[in-house]
N, C-alpha and C. Protein backbone atom coordinates (compact mmCIF):
# COMPACT_ATOMS: atom_id res chain seq x y z
N MET A 1 -13.36 -14.78 21.04
CA MET A 1 -14.38 -15.80 19.95
C MET A 1 -12.93 -15.83 18.91
N ALA A 2 -12.94 -17.32 18.36
CA ALA A 2 -11.91 -17.43 17.61
C ALA A 2 -11.66 -17.01 16.35
N PHE A 3 -10.64 -16.65 15.56
CA PHE A 3 -10.76 -15.25 14.66
C PHE A 3 -10.89 -16.60 13.57
N ASN A 4 -11.15 -18.22 13.24
CA ASN A 4 -10.54 -18.31 11.74
C ASN A 4 -12.09 -18.87 11.39
N GLY A 5 -11.99 -18.52 10.76
CA GLY A 5 -12.94 -18.59 9.36
C GLY A 5 -12.60 -18.15 7.32
N LYS A 6 -13.05 -18.12 7.27
CA LYS A 6 -13.40 -16.82 5.70
C LYS A 6 -14.01 -15.81 5.53
N PHE A 7 -13.78 -15.15 5.03
CA PHE A 7 -14.77 -13.86 4.92
C PHE A 7 -14.16 -13.06 3.85
N GLU A 8 -15.36 -12.56 2.80
CA GLU A 8 -15.84 -11.89 1.54
C GLU A 8 -15.82 -9.97 2.02
N PHE A 9 -15.01 -9.29 1.41
CA PHE A 9 -15.21 -8.23 1.77
C PHE A 9 -16.91 -8.35 1.08
N GLU A 10 -17.44 -6.77 2.22
CA GLU A 10 -18.27 -6.41 2.28
C GLU A 10 -18.51 -5.39 1.65
N SER A 11 -17.83 -4.29 3.02
CA SER A 11 -18.47 -2.62 2.63
C SER A 11 -16.82 -1.92 3.25
N ASP A 12 -16.79 -0.89 2.76
CA ASP A 12 -15.74 -0.16 3.62
C ASP A 12 -16.16 1.47 3.79
N LYS A 13 -15.22 2.19 4.14
CA LYS A 13 -15.31 3.67 4.83
C LYS A 13 -14.15 4.00 4.37
N ASN A 14 -13.73 5.26 3.43
CA ASN A 14 -12.51 6.21 3.65
C ASN A 14 -11.94 5.67 2.92
N TYR A 15 -11.97 4.46 2.03
CA TYR A 15 -11.20 3.76 1.18
C TYR A 15 -10.04 4.89 0.11
N ASP A 16 -10.77 5.76 -0.62
CA ASP A 16 -9.61 6.59 -1.16
C ASP A 16 -8.36 6.80 -0.29
N GLU A 17 -9.59 8.12 0.49
CA GLU A 17 -8.15 9.25 1.43
C GLU A 17 -7.82 8.18 2.17
N PHE A 18 -7.48 6.72 2.86
CA PHE A 18 -6.84 5.73 3.21
C PHE A 18 -5.48 5.59 2.58
N MET A 19 -6.19 5.11 1.13
CA MET A 19 -4.97 4.61 0.11
C MET A 19 -3.95 5.91 -0.38
N LYS A 20 -4.49 6.76 -0.37
CA LYS A 20 -3.60 7.83 -0.81
C LYS A 20 -2.62 8.56 0.47
N ARG A 21 -2.85 7.77 1.49
CA ARG A 21 -1.51 8.10 2.85
C ARG A 21 -1.28 6.95 2.40
N LEU A 22 -1.56 6.23 2.57
CA LEU A 22 -0.26 4.78 2.09
C LEU A 22 0.28 4.79 1.33
N ARG A 23 0.09 6.50 0.30
CA ARG A 23 0.70 6.25 -0.73
C ARG A 23 1.06 5.96 -1.95
N LEU A 24 -0.33 4.81 -1.61
CA LEU A 24 -0.28 4.11 -3.55
C LEU A 24 -0.86 4.63 -4.50
N PRO A 25 0.39 4.89 -5.81
CA PRO A 25 -0.47 5.11 -6.93
C PRO A 25 -1.88 5.41 -7.52
N SER A 26 -2.39 6.16 -7.53
CA SER A 26 -3.70 6.50 -8.13
C SER A 26 -4.38 5.63 -9.34
N ASP A 27 -3.40 4.90 -10.08
CA ASP A 27 -3.88 3.29 -10.81
C ASP A 27 -4.12 1.95 -10.08
N ALA A 28 -3.24 2.51 -9.15
CA ALA A 28 -3.62 1.35 -8.06
C ALA A 28 -4.60 1.36 -7.22
N ILE A 29 -4.94 2.48 -6.69
CA ILE A 29 -6.26 3.18 -5.50
C ILE A 29 -7.09 2.39 -6.68
N GLU A 30 -7.66 3.12 -7.97
CA GLU A 30 -8.89 3.03 -8.71
C GLU A 30 -9.22 0.93 -8.90
N LYS A 31 -7.65 0.39 -8.92
CA LYS A 31 -8.04 -0.79 -9.42
C LYS A 31 -8.81 -1.74 -8.39
N GLY A 32 -7.82 -1.17 -7.22
CA GLY A 32 -8.91 -1.92 -5.79
C GLY A 32 -10.23 -1.68 -5.30
N ARG A 33 -10.69 -0.05 -5.65
CA ARG A 33 -11.81 -0.20 -5.14
C ARG A 33 -12.87 -1.39 -5.66
N ASN A 34 -13.49 -1.87 -4.69
CA ASN A 34 -14.22 -2.32 -4.67
C ASN A 34 -14.16 -4.20 -5.15
N PHE A 35 -12.63 -4.18 -4.83
CA PHE A 35 -12.37 -5.40 -5.00
C PHE A 35 -12.66 -6.49 -4.31
N LYS A 36 -13.70 -7.49 -4.51
CA LYS A 36 -14.06 -8.66 -3.94
C LYS A 36 -13.18 -9.35 -3.12
N ILE A 37 -12.06 -8.77 -2.00
CA ILE A 37 -11.27 -9.56 -1.45
C ILE A 37 -11.84 -10.49 -0.23
N ILE A 38 -11.06 -12.09 -0.16
CA ILE A 38 -11.39 -13.02 0.17
C ILE A 38 -9.83 -13.15 1.40
N THR A 39 -10.49 -12.66 2.49
CA THR A 39 -9.55 -12.96 4.13
C THR A 39 -9.82 -14.76 4.73
N GLU A 40 -8.73 -15.51 4.71
CA GLU A 40 -9.09 -16.30 5.26
C GLU A 40 -8.36 -16.28 6.58
N ILE A 41 -8.23 -16.91 7.60
CA ILE A 41 -7.59 -16.51 9.13
C ILE A 41 -7.15 -18.01 9.33
N GLN A 42 -6.47 -18.64 10.02
CA GLN A 42 -6.26 -19.29 10.91
C GLN A 42 -5.73 -19.35 12.12
N GLN A 43 -5.91 -19.73 13.37
CA GLN A 43 -5.72 -19.24 14.56
C GLN A 43 -6.01 -20.88 14.98
N ASP A 44 -4.32 -20.89 15.36
CA ASP A 44 -4.53 -22.03 16.78
C ASP A 44 -3.70 -21.42 17.67
N GLY A 45 -4.18 -21.05 18.47
CA GLY A 45 -3.39 -20.58 20.09
C GLY A 45 -3.30 -19.01 19.74
N GLN A 46 -2.39 -19.26 20.13
CA GLN A 46 -1.85 -17.56 19.75
C GLN A 46 -1.28 -17.51 18.25
N ASN A 47 -0.96 -18.82 17.70
CA ASN A 47 -0.92 -18.44 16.05
C ASN A 47 -1.81 -18.32 15.09
N PHE A 48 -1.06 -17.45 14.27
CA PHE A 48 -2.14 -17.17 12.88
C PHE A 48 -1.34 -17.60 11.81
N ILE A 49 -2.55 -17.55 10.54
CA ILE A 49 -2.33 -17.66 9.69
C ILE A 49 -3.17 -16.56 8.84
N TRP A 50 -2.87 -15.00 8.21
CA TRP A 50 -3.69 -14.35 8.06
C TRP A 50 -4.16 -14.29 6.42
N SER A 51 -4.57 -14.47 5.63
CA SER A 51 -3.96 -14.66 3.83
C SER A 51 -5.69 -13.79 3.30
N GLN A 52 -4.93 -12.95 2.38
CA GLN A 52 -5.69 -12.35 1.55
C GLN A 52 -5.37 -12.53 -0.15
N HIS A 53 -6.87 -13.13 -0.89
CA HIS A 53 -7.05 -13.27 -2.20
C HIS A 53 -7.71 -12.47 -2.74
N TYR A 54 -7.18 -11.69 -3.96
CA TYR A 54 -7.58 -10.45 -4.84
C TYR A 54 -7.94 -11.22 -6.25
N PRO A 55 -8.96 -11.09 -6.74
CA PRO A 55 -9.22 -11.12 -7.77
C PRO A 55 -8.15 -11.28 -9.23
N GLY A 56 -7.90 -12.16 -9.53
CA GLY A 56 -6.94 -12.40 -10.46
C GLY A 56 -6.55 -13.23 -9.99
N GLY A 57 -6.14 -14.08 -8.60
CA GLY A 57 -5.55 -14.65 -8.35
C GLY A 57 -4.06 -14.29 -7.89
N GLN A 58 -3.73 -13.05 -7.11
CA GLN A 58 -3.03 -12.90 -5.92
C GLN A 58 -3.28 -13.18 -4.83
N SER A 59 -2.55 -13.34 -4.22
CA SER A 59 -2.85 -13.87 -2.84
C SER A 59 -1.60 -13.03 -1.78
N MET A 60 -1.78 -12.89 -0.21
CA MET A 60 -0.94 -12.62 0.55
C MET A 60 -1.40 -13.16 1.36
N THR A 61 0.38 -12.97 2.30
CA THR A 61 -0.31 -14.16 3.22
C THR A 61 0.71 -13.54 4.56
N ASN A 62 0.33 -13.56 6.13
CA ASN A 62 1.57 -12.95 6.83
C ASN A 62 1.09 -13.96 8.04
N LYS A 63 2.16 -14.37 8.54
CA LYS A 63 1.92 -15.51 9.60
C LYS A 63 2.58 -14.72 11.12
N PHE A 64 1.36 -15.13 11.91
CA PHE A 64 2.42 -14.13 13.29
C PHE A 64 1.41 -14.52 14.48
N THR A 65 2.69 -14.46 14.91
CA THR A 65 2.11 -15.05 16.75
C THR A 65 2.05 -14.05 18.10
N ILE A 66 1.02 -14.06 18.05
CA ILE A 66 0.61 -12.95 19.22
C ILE A 66 2.03 -12.69 20.94
N GLY A 67 2.20 -11.07 20.61
CA GLY A 67 3.37 -11.20 21.48
C GLY A 67 4.56 -11.20 20.88
N LYS A 68 4.77 -11.77 19.83
CA LYS A 68 6.23 -12.06 19.24
C LYS A 68 6.49 -10.93 18.09
N LYS A 69 7.87 -10.22 17.88
CA LYS A 69 8.04 -9.82 16.76
C LYS A 69 8.05 -10.65 15.84
N CYS A 70 7.33 -9.57 14.46
CA CYS A 70 7.03 -11.05 13.06
C CYS A 70 7.66 -9.69 12.34
N ASP A 71 8.11 -10.26 10.81
CA ASP A 71 7.24 -9.29 9.60
C ASP A 71 6.16 -9.60 8.50
N MET A 72 6.04 -8.59 8.62
CA MET A 72 4.55 -8.41 7.28
C MET A 72 4.66 -7.81 6.60
N THR A 73 3.41 -7.75 5.06
CA THR A 73 3.56 -7.24 4.43
C THR A 73 2.33 -6.94 4.39
N MET A 74 2.15 -5.22 3.91
CA MET A 74 0.90 -4.60 3.58
C MET A 74 0.92 -4.00 2.24
N ALA A 75 -0.03 -4.12 1.72
CA ALA A 75 -0.12 -2.96 0.51
C ALA A 75 1.21 -2.84 -0.24
N GLY A 76 2.20 -4.21 -0.05
CA GLY A 76 3.40 -4.07 -1.16
C GLY A 76 4.52 -3.50 0.14
N LYS A 77 4.31 -3.60 1.22
CA LYS A 77 5.10 -2.51 1.85
C LYS A 77 5.24 -3.85 3.10
N LYS A 78 7.34 -3.87 3.05
CA LYS A 78 7.82 -5.11 4.41
C LYS A 78 7.57 -4.35 5.66
N PHE A 79 7.27 -4.55 6.96
CA PHE A 79 7.10 -3.81 7.86
C PHE A 79 7.61 -4.69 9.33
N THR A 80 8.04 -4.60 10.52
CA THR A 80 8.08 -5.42 11.63
C THR A 80 7.34 -4.88 12.71
N ALA A 81 6.27 -5.96 12.81
CA ALA A 81 5.72 -5.59 14.26
C ALA A 81 5.54 -6.81 15.10
N THR A 82 5.01 -6.13 16.11
CA THR A 82 4.49 -6.80 17.43
C THR A 82 2.75 -7.15 17.70
N MET A 83 1.64 -8.26 17.11
CA MET A 83 0.85 -8.60 17.38
C MET A 83 0.64 -8.62 18.93
N GLN A 84 -0.50 -7.85 19.14
CA GLN A 84 -1.18 -8.01 20.46
C GLN A 84 -2.46 -8.79 20.41
N MET A 85 -3.41 -8.92 20.77
CA MET A 85 -4.46 -9.59 21.66
C MET A 85 -4.75 -8.63 22.17
N GLU A 86 -6.04 -8.13 22.42
CA GLU A 86 -6.65 -7.39 23.70
C GLU A 86 -8.27 -6.49 23.36
N GLY A 87 -8.63 -7.47 24.02
CA GLY A 87 -10.31 -7.53 24.35
C GLY A 87 -10.56 -8.43 22.66
N GLY A 88 -10.18 -9.30 22.66
CA GLY A 88 -10.37 -10.07 22.21
C GLY A 88 -10.07 -9.48 20.29
N LYS A 89 -9.78 -8.49 20.74
CA LYS A 89 -8.46 -7.68 19.19
C LYS A 89 -7.57 -8.31 18.46
N VAL A 90 -7.64 -8.72 17.82
CA VAL A 90 -5.88 -8.88 17.51
C VAL A 90 -5.64 -7.31 16.80
N VAL A 91 -4.40 -6.74 17.58
CA VAL A 91 -3.73 -5.13 17.00
C VAL A 91 -2.71 -5.24 16.88
N ALA A 92 -2.31 -3.86 15.60
CA ALA A 92 -1.09 -4.49 15.64
C ALA A 92 -1.05 -2.75 15.29
N ASP A 93 0.07 -2.21 16.05
CA ASP A 93 0.51 -0.63 16.70
C ASP A 93 2.01 -0.60 15.61
N PHE A 94 2.50 -0.04 14.53
CA PHE A 94 3.33 0.27 14.47
C PHE A 94 4.07 2.10 13.91
N ARG A 95 4.85 2.41 13.27
CA ARG A 95 4.97 3.67 13.03
C ARG A 95 3.72 4.56 12.54
N ASN A 96 3.27 5.62 12.93
CA ASN A 96 2.42 5.35 12.42
C ASN A 96 0.70 5.25 11.84
N TYR A 97 0.55 3.92 12.51
CA TYR A 97 0.03 3.61 11.68
C TYR A 97 -0.91 1.90 13.17
N HIS A 98 -2.29 2.30 13.06
CA HIS A 98 -2.77 1.18 14.34
C HIS A 98 -3.85 0.51 13.29
N GLN A 99 -4.16 -0.82 13.58
CA GLN A 99 -4.81 -1.69 13.07
C GLN A 99 -5.36 -2.54 14.06
N THR A 100 -6.64 -2.74 14.37
CA THR A 100 -7.60 -3.54 15.13
C THR A 100 -8.26 -4.18 14.08
N SER A 101 -8.69 -5.67 14.22
CA SER A 101 -9.29 -6.36 14.23
C SER A 101 -10.02 -7.44 14.83
N GLU A 102 -11.35 -7.71 15.00
CA GLU A 102 -12.64 -8.46 15.35
C GLU A 102 -13.52 -9.18 14.21
N ILE A 103 -13.83 -10.47 15.38
CA ILE A 103 -14.73 -10.75 14.74
C ILE A 103 -16.16 -10.23 15.26
N ALA A 104 -17.29 -9.70 14.80
CA ALA A 104 -18.39 -9.25 15.70
C ALA A 104 -19.26 -9.53 14.78
N VAL A 105 -20.35 -11.10 15.18
CA VAL A 105 -21.04 -12.13 15.26
C VAL A 105 -20.65 -12.71 13.46
N ASP A 106 -21.05 -12.42 12.77
CA ASP A 106 -20.37 -13.53 11.67
C ASP A 106 -19.64 -12.08 10.85
N LYS A 107 -18.79 -11.15 10.96
CA LYS A 107 -18.54 -10.65 9.98
C LYS A 107 -16.85 -10.43 10.31
N LEU A 108 -15.86 -9.52 9.61
CA LEU A 108 -14.63 -9.84 10.23
C LEU A 108 -14.79 -8.14 10.02
N VAL A 109 -14.29 -7.25 11.54
CA VAL A 109 -14.25 -5.63 11.16
C VAL A 109 -12.80 -5.71 11.40
N GLU A 110 -12.56 -4.59 10.34
CA GLU A 110 -11.33 -4.55 10.77
C GLU A 110 -10.74 -2.54 10.47
N ILE A 111 -10.56 -2.14 11.52
CA ILE A 111 -10.44 -0.23 11.67
C ILE A 111 -8.64 -0.58 11.16
N SER A 112 -8.28 0.48 10.42
CA SER A 112 -6.77 1.37 10.60
C SER A 112 -6.84 2.47 10.24
N THR A 113 -5.94 3.10 11.03
CA THR A 113 -5.73 4.66 10.87
C THR A 113 -4.09 4.70 10.98
N MET A 114 -3.96 5.77 10.08
CA MET A 114 -2.47 6.47 10.03
C MET A 114 -2.70 7.80 9.49
N GLU A 115 -2.32 8.10 11.01
CA GLU A 115 -1.67 9.96 10.78
C GLU A 115 -2.86 9.84 11.36
N ASP A 116 -3.79 11.06 10.30
CA ASP A 116 -5.19 11.51 10.76
C ASP A 116 -6.33 10.52 10.28
N VAL A 117 -6.03 9.63 9.46
CA VAL A 117 -6.93 9.14 8.31
C VAL A 117 -7.31 7.78 8.99
N THR A 118 -8.65 7.29 9.20
CA THR A 118 -9.38 6.23 9.45
C THR A 118 -10.11 5.48 8.46
N TYR A 119 -9.63 4.59 7.86
CA TYR A 119 -10.43 3.21 7.12
C TYR A 119 -11.15 2.00 7.69
N GLY A 120 -11.80 1.86 7.41
CA GLY A 120 -12.86 0.40 7.63
C GLY A 120 -13.04 -0.59 7.03
N ARG A 121 -13.04 -2.00 7.17
CA ARG A 121 -13.98 -2.15 6.35
C ARG A 121 -14.62 -3.80 7.15
N VAL A 122 -15.53 -4.21 6.32
CA VAL A 122 -16.23 -5.23 6.47
C VAL A 122 -16.13 -6.16 5.84
N SER A 123 -16.03 -7.70 5.84
CA SER A 123 -16.07 -8.70 5.55
C SER A 123 -17.45 -9.87 6.00
N LYS A 124 -17.93 -10.46 5.50
CA LYS A 124 -18.34 -10.99 5.48
C LYS A 124 -18.72 -12.40 5.85
N ARG A 125 -18.58 -13.49 6.49
CA ARG A 125 -18.96 -15.22 7.11
C ARG A 125 -18.78 -15.75 5.42
N LEU A 126 -17.90 -16.28 5.32
CA LEU A 126 -18.22 -17.20 4.40
C LEU A 126 -18.51 -18.92 4.59
N ALA A 127 -17.38 -19.24 5.38
CA ALA A 127 -17.23 -19.98 6.26
C ALA A 127 -16.55 -20.21 7.66
């Protein structure tokens, strides 16, 4: 299924423990709790533009091509990863971190694991 679309945060699991594992300061963890993050995804073949828009006008955009190394930003930290497509899921693997993203019916389901802590986020399709 194509990833094109606009999605709004609906629910998550294990937010606090995962954000602590990312070593985010407690004030940032508190501020981010229950943000209505809007995720916009544009897919053109193997090329993706993945943007997240936060309350207050802040945004973060990552561009990548499946199977090629790219520079990414997550939680304010920069890293290099090679994104893969496995069974209809976009997969990122890098040092101590694994993430899968998939479209399930009209929801964006993202599962992130760092060391022994797993975080899940579900967003509903807006467009």
